[in-house]
Amino acid sequence: MTEARASVRAPLPPVRGATVDDETRCVHWSSPLDVVALRFWCCGVWYPCFECHEDDADHPAVPRPPSAWDEPSALCGVCGHVMTTPEYRASDACPRCAAPFNPGCRTHAHLYFAD
């Protein structure tokens, strides 16, 4: 993490799974854009991806229902900004620090968010 990034970073909640760095990248998704962790609705635990949840949790993942979309559900691993589902899904980058997010994550949205 660069010094500039460290200066704007809020403390991160614990993120479980096979993380490979302090910006929530994991062994499954580790490009420079893979800096989002998601709070799984089924257990309330933060994971970098559905595969980390699958590897670590003792239960299947359950997508977050629309009734819970206003709860904290996405985390920018760069600055620690916590987003609701609508805020995250409407963003290509962190609204706080402008770190770009992986646009490919949209193809997996159904695993995290029930429509």
Protein backbone atom coordinates (compact mmCIF):
# COMPACT_ATOMS: atom_id res chain seq x y z
CA MET A 1 0.00 0.00 0.00
CA THR A 2 1.33 3.43 -0.85
CA GLU A 3 1.82 6.09 1.81
CA ALA A 4 -0.90 8.23 0.19
CA ARG A 5 -3.36 5.35 0.40
CA ALA A 6 -2.45 4.64 4.01
CA SER A 7 -3.18 8.25 4.98
CA VAL A 8 -6.87 8.01 3.92
CA ARG A 9 -7.53 4.53 5.19
CA ALA A 10 -10.09 3.80 7.87
CA PRO A 11 -9.52 0.70 9.99
CA LEU A 12 -10.81 -2.35 8.16
CA PRO A 13 -13.12 -4.84 9.81
CA PRO A 14 -11.77 -8.40 9.88
CA VAL A 15 -11.87 -9.93 6.41
CA ARG A 16 -11.77 -13.73 6.34
CA GLY A 17 -10.59 -15.95 3.56
CA ALA A 18 -7.36 -16.44 1.69
CA THR A 19 -6.34 -12.79 1.51
CA VAL A 20 -2.99 -12.02 -0.06
CA ASP A 21 -2.57 -8.38 0.92
CA ASP A 22 -3.91 -5.63 3.16
CA GLU A 23 -6.29 -4.29 0.47
CA THR A 24 -8.49 -7.43 0.60
CA ARG A 25 -7.19 -9.14 -2.53
CA CYS A 26 -7.35 -12.91 -2.30
CA VAL A 27 -5.82 -15.97 -3.91
CA HIS A 28 -8.80 -16.18 -6.28
CA TRP A 29 -8.94 -12.52 -7.37
CA SER A 30 -5.76 -10.48 -7.04
CA SER A 31 -5.58 -7.90 -9.81
CA PRO A 32 -4.96 -4.25 -8.93
CA LEU A 33 -8.74 -3.73 -9.25
CA ASP A 34 -9.77 -6.50 -6.84
CA VAL A 35 -10.01 -4.33 -3.73
CA VAL A 36 -13.58 -4.96 -2.57
CA ALA A 37 -14.68 -7.28 0.21
CA LEU A 38 -18.32 -8.18 0.64
CA ARG A 39 -20.28 -8.78 3.80
CA PHE A 40 -22.16 -12.00 3.28
CA TRP A 41 -25.78 -11.75 4.29
CA CYS A 42 -25.96 -15.36 5.44
CA CYS A 43 -23.35 -14.93 8.19
CA GLY A 44 -22.42 -11.23 8.41
CA VAL A 45 -18.76 -12.05 7.72
CA TRP A 46 -16.60 -10.03 5.32
CA TYR A 47 -14.92 -12.06 2.53
CA PRO A 48 -13.00 -10.95 -0.56
CA CYS A 49 -15.05 -13.23 -2.82
CA PHE A 50 -17.60 -16.03 -3.02
CA GLU A 51 -14.83 -18.59 -3.39
CA CYS A 52 -13.22 -17.48 -0.12
CA HIS A 53 -16.62 -17.85 1.56
CA GLU A 54 -17.04 -21.29 0.01
CA ASP A 55 -13.58 -22.37 1.24
CA ASP A 56 -13.97 -20.97 4.77
CA ALA A 57 -17.62 -20.99 5.84
CA ASP A 58 -19.51 -24.01 7.14
CA HIS A 59 -22.64 -23.13 5.16
CA PRO A 60 -23.63 -22.17 1.62
CA ALA A 61 -23.68 -18.52 0.67
CA VAL A 62 -27.04 -16.78 0.51
CA PRO A 63 -27.35 -13.64 -1.65
CA ARG A 64 -28.33 -10.45 0.19
CA PRO A 65 -32.08 -9.79 -0.29
CA PRO A 66 -33.24 -6.36 -1.47
CA SER A 67 -34.74 -5.75 2.00
CA ALA A 68 -31.16 -5.71 3.38
CA TRP A 69 -29.55 -3.61 0.66
CA ASP A 70 -29.40 -0.51 2.87
CA GLU A 71 -27.13 -2.31 5.35
CA PRO A 72 -23.33 -2.17 5.05
CA SER A 73 -22.44 -4.76 2.41
CA ALA A 74 -19.30 -3.74 0.49
CA LEU A 75 -15.91 -2.57 1.70
CA CYS A 76 -13.20 -0.72 -0.19
CA GLY A 77 -9.97 -2.45 0.75
CA VAL A 78 -7.96 0.64 -0.16
CA CYS A 79 -9.52 3.21 2.18
CA GLY A 80 -11.93 1.22 4.35
CA HIS A 81 -15.07 2.95 3.08
CA VAL A 82 -18.17 0.84 3.76
CA MET A 83 -20.96 0.96 1.20
CA THR A 84 -24.54 -0.17 0.95
CA THR A 85 -25.48 -2.46 -1.91
CA PRO A 86 -26.94 0.32 -4.11
CA GLU A 87 -23.90 2.55 -3.51
CA TYR A 88 -21.50 -0.24 -4.43
CA ARG A 89 -23.45 -1.47 -7.44
CA ALA A 90 -23.66 2.06 -8.86
CA SER A 91 -19.89 2.61 -8.56
CA ASP A 92 -16.98 1.84 -10.86
CA ALA A 93 -14.64 3.20 -8.19
CA CYS A 94 -14.73 3.92 -4.50
CA PRO A 95 -16.86 7.00 -3.79
CA ARG A 96 -14.41 8.02 -1.06
CA CYS A 97 -10.90 7.42 -2.45
CA ALA A 98 -11.60 6.81 -6.17
CA ALA A 99 -9.79 3.44 -6.21
CA PRO A 100 -11.12 1.67 -9.30
CA PHE A 101 -13.13 -1.53 -8.84
CA ASN A 102 -12.99 -4.58 -11.10
CA PRO A 103 -15.83 -4.19 -13.62
CA GLY A 104 -15.86 -7.97 -14.04
CA CYS A 105 -17.37 -8.31 -10.58
CA ARG A 106 -20.71 -7.36 -12.09
CA THR A 107 -20.87 -10.82 -13.70
CA HIS A 108 -20.87 -12.34 -10.19
CA ALA A 109 -23.36 -9.92 -8.62
CA HIS A 110 -26.09 -12.58 -8.48
CA LEU A 111 -23.92 -14.56 -6.04
CA TYR A 112 -23.91 -11.66 -3.58
CA PHE A 113 -27.14 -9.75 -4.22
CA ALA A 114 -30.60 -11.18 -4.88
CA ASP A 115 -32.56 -9.16 -7.42
